[in-house]
Protein backbone atom coordinates (compact mmCIF):
# COMPACT_ATOMS: atom_id res chain seq x y z
CA MET A 1 -17.70 7.17 12.63
CA GLU A 2 -19.47 9.03 15.49
CA LYS A 3 -18.60 6.45 18.03
CA LEU A 4 -14.85 6.23 16.88
CA LYS A 5 -12.46 8.03 19.36
CA PRO A 6 -9.09 6.59 18.69
CA GLU A 7 -6.09 7.05 21.00
CA ILE A 8 -3.91 6.80 18.43
CA ILE A 9 -4.17 8.22 14.79
CA ILE A 10 -1.90 6.77 12.23
CA PHE A 11 -1.20 8.50 8.83
CA ASP A 12 0.39 7.25 5.60
CA VAL A 13 2.42 10.03 4.13
CA ASP A 14 2.25 9.72 0.26
CA GLY A 15 -1.36 10.49 -1.07
CA VAL A 16 -2.54 11.25 2.39
CA LEU A 17 -0.51 14.11 4.09
CA VAL A 18 1.68 14.99 1.04
CA ASP A 19 0.35 15.30 -2.50
CA VAL A 20 2.95 13.31 -4.51
CA ARG A 21 1.43 13.63 -8.11
CA GLU A 22 4.19 15.97 -9.14
CA SER A 23 7.10 14.23 -6.96
CA TYR A 24 7.00 10.64 -7.01
CA HIS A 25 4.50 9.92 -9.61
CA ARG A 26 6.20 12.52 -11.99
CA THR A 27 9.52 10.59 -11.01
CA ILE A 28 7.98 7.29 -12.06
CA VAL A 29 7.00 8.84 -15.60
CA ASP A 30 10.22 10.47 -15.93
CA THR A 31 12.44 7.18 -14.96
CA VAL A 32 10.25 4.78 -17.16
CA ARG A 33 10.48 7.35 -20.08
CA TYR A 34 14.40 7.62 -19.81
CA PHE A 35 14.72 3.65 -20.09
CA THR A 36 12.21 3.04 -22.41
CA GLY A 37 11.30 6.31 -24.66
CA ARG A 38 7.71 5.70 -23.69
CA LYS A 39 5.46 8.09 -21.39
CA ILE A 40 3.06 6.14 -19.46
CA PRO A 41 -0.04 7.54 -18.38
CA ARG A 42 -0.69 8.21 -14.43
CA SER A 43 -3.49 5.76 -14.81
CA GLU A 44 -1.12 3.08 -15.29
CA ILE A 45 0.63 3.58 -12.09
CA HIS A 46 -2.54 3.59 -10.01
CA ARG A 47 -3.42 0.16 -11.78
CA TRP A 48 -0.31 -1.47 -10.89
CA LYS A 49 -0.72 -0.20 -7.23
CA ASN A 50 -4.29 -1.49 -7.10
CA ARG A 51 -2.60 -4.76 -7.35
CA GLY A 52 -1.07 -4.71 -4.21
CA GLY A 53 2.54 -5.19 -3.28
CA TYR A 54 3.52 -2.13 -5.21
CA ASN A 55 3.62 0.52 -2.21
CA ASP A 56 7.49 0.85 -3.12
CA ASP A 57 7.93 3.38 -5.84
CA TRP A 58 11.28 1.92 -6.83
CA LYS A 59 9.90 -1.53 -7.20
CA LEU A 60 7.00 -0.32 -9.27
CA THR A 61 9.20 1.72 -11.55
CA HIS A 62 11.42 -1.29 -12.11
CA ALA A 63 8.34 -3.61 -12.91
CA LEU A 64 6.92 -0.89 -15.26
CA VAL A 65 10.30 -0.67 -17.34
CA ARG A 66 10.48 -4.61 -17.44
CA SER A 67 6.80 -4.66 -18.42
CA LEU A 68 7.65 -2.87 -21.47
CA ASN A 69 10.37 -5.40 -22.45
CA HIS A 70 13.44 -3.31 -21.31
CA ARG A 71 15.87 -5.56 -19.03
CA VAL A 72 17.36 -3.03 -17.05
CA PRO A 73 18.96 -4.00 -13.48
CA TYR A 74 16.86 -2.93 -10.59
CA LYS A 75 19.75 -0.94 -9.21
CA THR A 76 20.28 0.96 -12.27
CA VAL A 77 16.56 2.01 -12.51
CA LYS A 78 16.59 3.16 -8.87
CA ALA A 79 19.70 5.14 -9.17
CA GLN A 80 18.04 7.10 -11.95
CA PHE A 81 14.65 7.26 -10.19
CA GLU A 82 16.75 9.03 -7.50
CA ARG A 83 18.40 11.17 -9.59
CA PHE A 84 15.20 12.56 -11.04
CA TYR A 85 13.70 12.77 -7.45
CA TRP A 86 16.33 14.54 -5.58
CA GLY A 87 17.99 16.57 -8.36
CA GLU A 88 21.34 18.18 -7.59
CA HIS A 89 20.56 19.82 -4.23
CA SER A 90 16.97 18.69 -3.42
CA ASP A 91 15.79 20.86 -6.45
CA GLY A 92 14.36 17.74 -8.42
CA ASN A 93 10.87 16.69 -8.38
CA VAL A 94 10.86 16.44 -4.26
CA ALA A 95 10.61 20.25 -4.62
CA ARG A 96 7.20 20.05 -6.16
CA GLU A 97 5.45 18.03 -3.36
CA ARG A 98 2.85 19.78 -1.21
CA TRP A 99 1.80 19.38 2.55
CA GLU A 100 -1.98 18.70 2.76
CA LEU A 101 -3.04 19.07 6.27
CA PRO A 102 -2.63 22.58 7.85
CA ARG A 103 -0.44 22.91 11.06
CA ALA A 104 -3.40 24.28 13.07
CA ALA A 105 -5.55 21.04 12.12
CA LEU A 106 -2.64 19.01 13.19
CA ALA A 107 -2.29 20.96 16.60
CA ARG A 108 -5.97 20.14 17.48
CA LEU A 109 -5.71 16.64 16.40
CA ALA A 110 -2.52 16.20 18.40
CA ARG A 111 -4.40 17.48 21.46
CA ARG A 112 -6.89 14.77 21.16
CA SER A 113 -5.03 11.72 20.09
CA GLU A 114 -1.51 10.64 19.89
CA LEU A 115 -0.42 11.18 16.20
CA ALA A 116 1.96 8.83 14.54
CA LEU A 117 3.45 7.87 11.00
CA PHE A 118 3.68 4.55 8.96
CA THR A 119 5.16 5.28 5.68
CA GLY A 120 6.81 3.41 2.97
CA ARG A 121 9.31 6.19 2.73
CA THR A 122 12.94 6.02 3.73
CA HIS A 123 14.25 8.14 6.56
CA ARG A 124 15.88 10.45 4.13
CA GLU A 125 12.82 11.09 2.10
CA LEU A 126 10.67 11.66 5.34
CA ASP A 127 13.05 13.80 7.14
CA HIS A 128 13.39 16.16 4.11
CA THR A 129 9.52 16.61 4.04
CA LEU A 130 8.80 16.68 7.83
CA ASP A 131 11.50 19.35 8.11
CA ARG A 132 10.72 21.25 5.06
CA PHE A 133 7.32 21.84 6.21
CA THR A 134 8.18 22.08 10.04
CA VAL A 135 5.63 19.45 11.07
CA ARG A 136 7.84 16.84 12.99
CA ARG A 137 6.72 18.11 16.44
CA TYR A 138 3.18 16.71 15.90
CA PHE A 139 4.17 12.97 15.55
CA ARG A 140 4.96 11.10 18.49
CA GLN A 141 5.93 7.76 16.72
CA ILE A 142 7.51 7.51 13.18
CA VAL A 143 7.79 4.18 11.34
CA THR A 144 9.36 3.95 7.84
CA VAL A 145 10.13 1.35 5.55
CA GLU A 146 13.65 0.91 7.02
CA ASP A 147 12.11 0.23 10.66
CA VAL A 148 10.51 -2.92 9.80
CA GLN A 149 11.63 -6.34 8.50
CA ARG A 150 8.58 -6.70 6.34
CA PRO A 151 7.04 -3.64 4.64
CA LYS A 152 3.44 -2.90 3.73
CA PRO A 153 1.18 -4.78 3.10
CA ASP A 154 2.49 -6.46 6.07
CA PRO A 155 1.12 -5.01 9.29
CA ASP A 156 4.58 -4.89 11.23
CA GLY A 157 4.65 -1.04 11.35
CA LEU A 158 1.26 -0.73 12.61
CA LEU A 159 1.88 -3.21 15.11
CA ARG A 160 5.00 -1.57 16.29
CA ILE A 161 3.16 1.71 16.84
CA LEU A 162 0.22 0.12 18.73
CA ASP A 163 2.83 -1.66 21.15
CA GLY A 164 -0.14 -3.44 22.81
CA THR A 165 -2.79 -0.71 22.43
CA ASP A 166 -6.06 -2.19 21.65
CA PRO A 167 -6.48 -1.78 17.89
CA ASP A 168 -10.23 -0.86 18.14
CA ARG A 169 -8.74 2.45 19.79
CA THR A 170 -6.65 3.43 16.80
CA LEU A 171 -7.15 4.61 13.33
CA TYR A 172 -4.94 4.27 10.19
CA LEU A 173 -5.43 6.69 7.23
CA GLY A 174 -4.16 5.51 3.83
CA ASP A 175 -4.73 5.79 0.00
CA ASN A 176 -3.73 2.54 -1.30
CA VAL A 177 -4.33 -1.21 -1.33
CA ASP A 178 -1.41 -2.04 0.59
CA ASP A 179 -2.32 0.62 3.48
CA ALA A 180 -5.91 -1.20 3.62
CA LEU A 181 -4.24 -4.58 3.71
CA ALA A 182 -1.79 -3.62 6.50
CA ALA A 183 -4.68 -2.25 8.64
CA LYS A 184 -6.82 -5.15 7.88
CA ARG A 185 -4.26 -7.62 9.16
CA ALA A 186 -3.46 -5.48 12.14
CA ARG A 187 -7.17 -5.35 12.84
CA VAL A 188 -6.98 -1.54 12.87
CA PRO A 189 -9.96 0.63 11.85
CA PHE A 190 -9.17 2.25 8.32
CA LEU A 191 -10.10 5.39 6.56
CA GLY A 192 -9.21 5.70 2.79
CA VAL A 193 -8.25 9.10 1.28
CA LEU A 194 -8.91 9.44 -2.22
CA SER A 195 -9.48 12.96 -4.22
CA ARG A 196 -13.05 12.95 -5.22
CA GLY A 197 -13.55 13.18 -8.97
CA SER A 198 -10.00 11.92 -9.56
CA ALA A 199 -8.87 9.01 -11.51
CA VAL A 200 -7.36 7.22 -8.72
CA HIS A 201 -10.73 7.50 -7.07
CA ARG A 202 -12.54 5.92 -9.71
CA LEU A 203 -9.98 2.97 -9.93
CA ARG A 204 -9.53 2.58 -6.29
CA VAL A 205 -12.64 3.46 -4.07
CA HIS A 206 -14.37 -0.01 -4.51
CA ARG A 207 -11.26 -2.01 -3.55
CA LEU A 208 -10.60 0.06 -0.37
CA ARG A 209 -14.29 -0.51 0.58
CA GLU A 210 -13.81 -4.11 -0.25
CA LEU A 211 -10.83 -4.42 2.26
CA GLY A 212 -12.97 -2.71 4.91
CA ALA A 213 -12.65 1.19 4.80
CA ARG A 214 -14.91 2.52 7.29
CA ALA A 215 -15.13 5.69 5.01
CA ILE A 216 -13.65 7.33 2.17
CA LEU A 217 -12.35 10.85 2.76
CA GLY A 218 -11.87 13.37 -0.29
CA THR A 219 -8.96 14.83 1.53
CA VAL A 220 -7.18 14.45 4.86
CA THR A 221 -8.70 17.89 5.86
CA GLU A 222 -12.01 16.09 6.48
CA LEU A 223 -10.76 13.94 8.99
CA GLU A 224 -11.80 16.18 11.93
CA LYS A 225 -15.36 16.35 10.85
CA HIS A 226 -15.58 12.49 10.74
CA LEU A 227 -14.13 12.35 14.08
CA ARG A 228 -16.86 14.63 15.61
């Protein structure tokens, strides 16, 4: 890591820059319970995400509902998910999320490298968060799920950000299997971000290392130390 001097640092959003345990994860639990009457443990969410291909929380929620033998159309599940997430006036579970990387640290990182975002969020979801926490100005490039034909684990979003830059001169930070797979396919160095001592760390750390993670950070705030 001492030799890594990225020209571009690319961040995933959920689980890296934003704590989504009480926003997206809570919404998954609320939506599954709405349709099935069962409250699934959070560990079940992480187990499904470890399979790969479930970076999309709408898709994951629908799959969980179906796994409990409830045949509900995808559009119906998605609509209820959105109601729990947004609430009436952005006062739903979205109001519970927290930004993890202080603006002072973002400013220091932005002085040394170009900062970018590659996320599975939609523009509406991402815009709300960037504006709420007033951090948009630090990111020169932003790629959402709506900007690519093939979402993660395909590397299209990373390749769009690189735009010819040597992958070895970049870095991608993510927290799940699809992030690591996208980085591997784009040949971009990858750092995992998993809270130490958490259930998700225990469930996912070995898999991220298998997929080539150069290090596993306990929080995104450790990035500056690793780049020194």
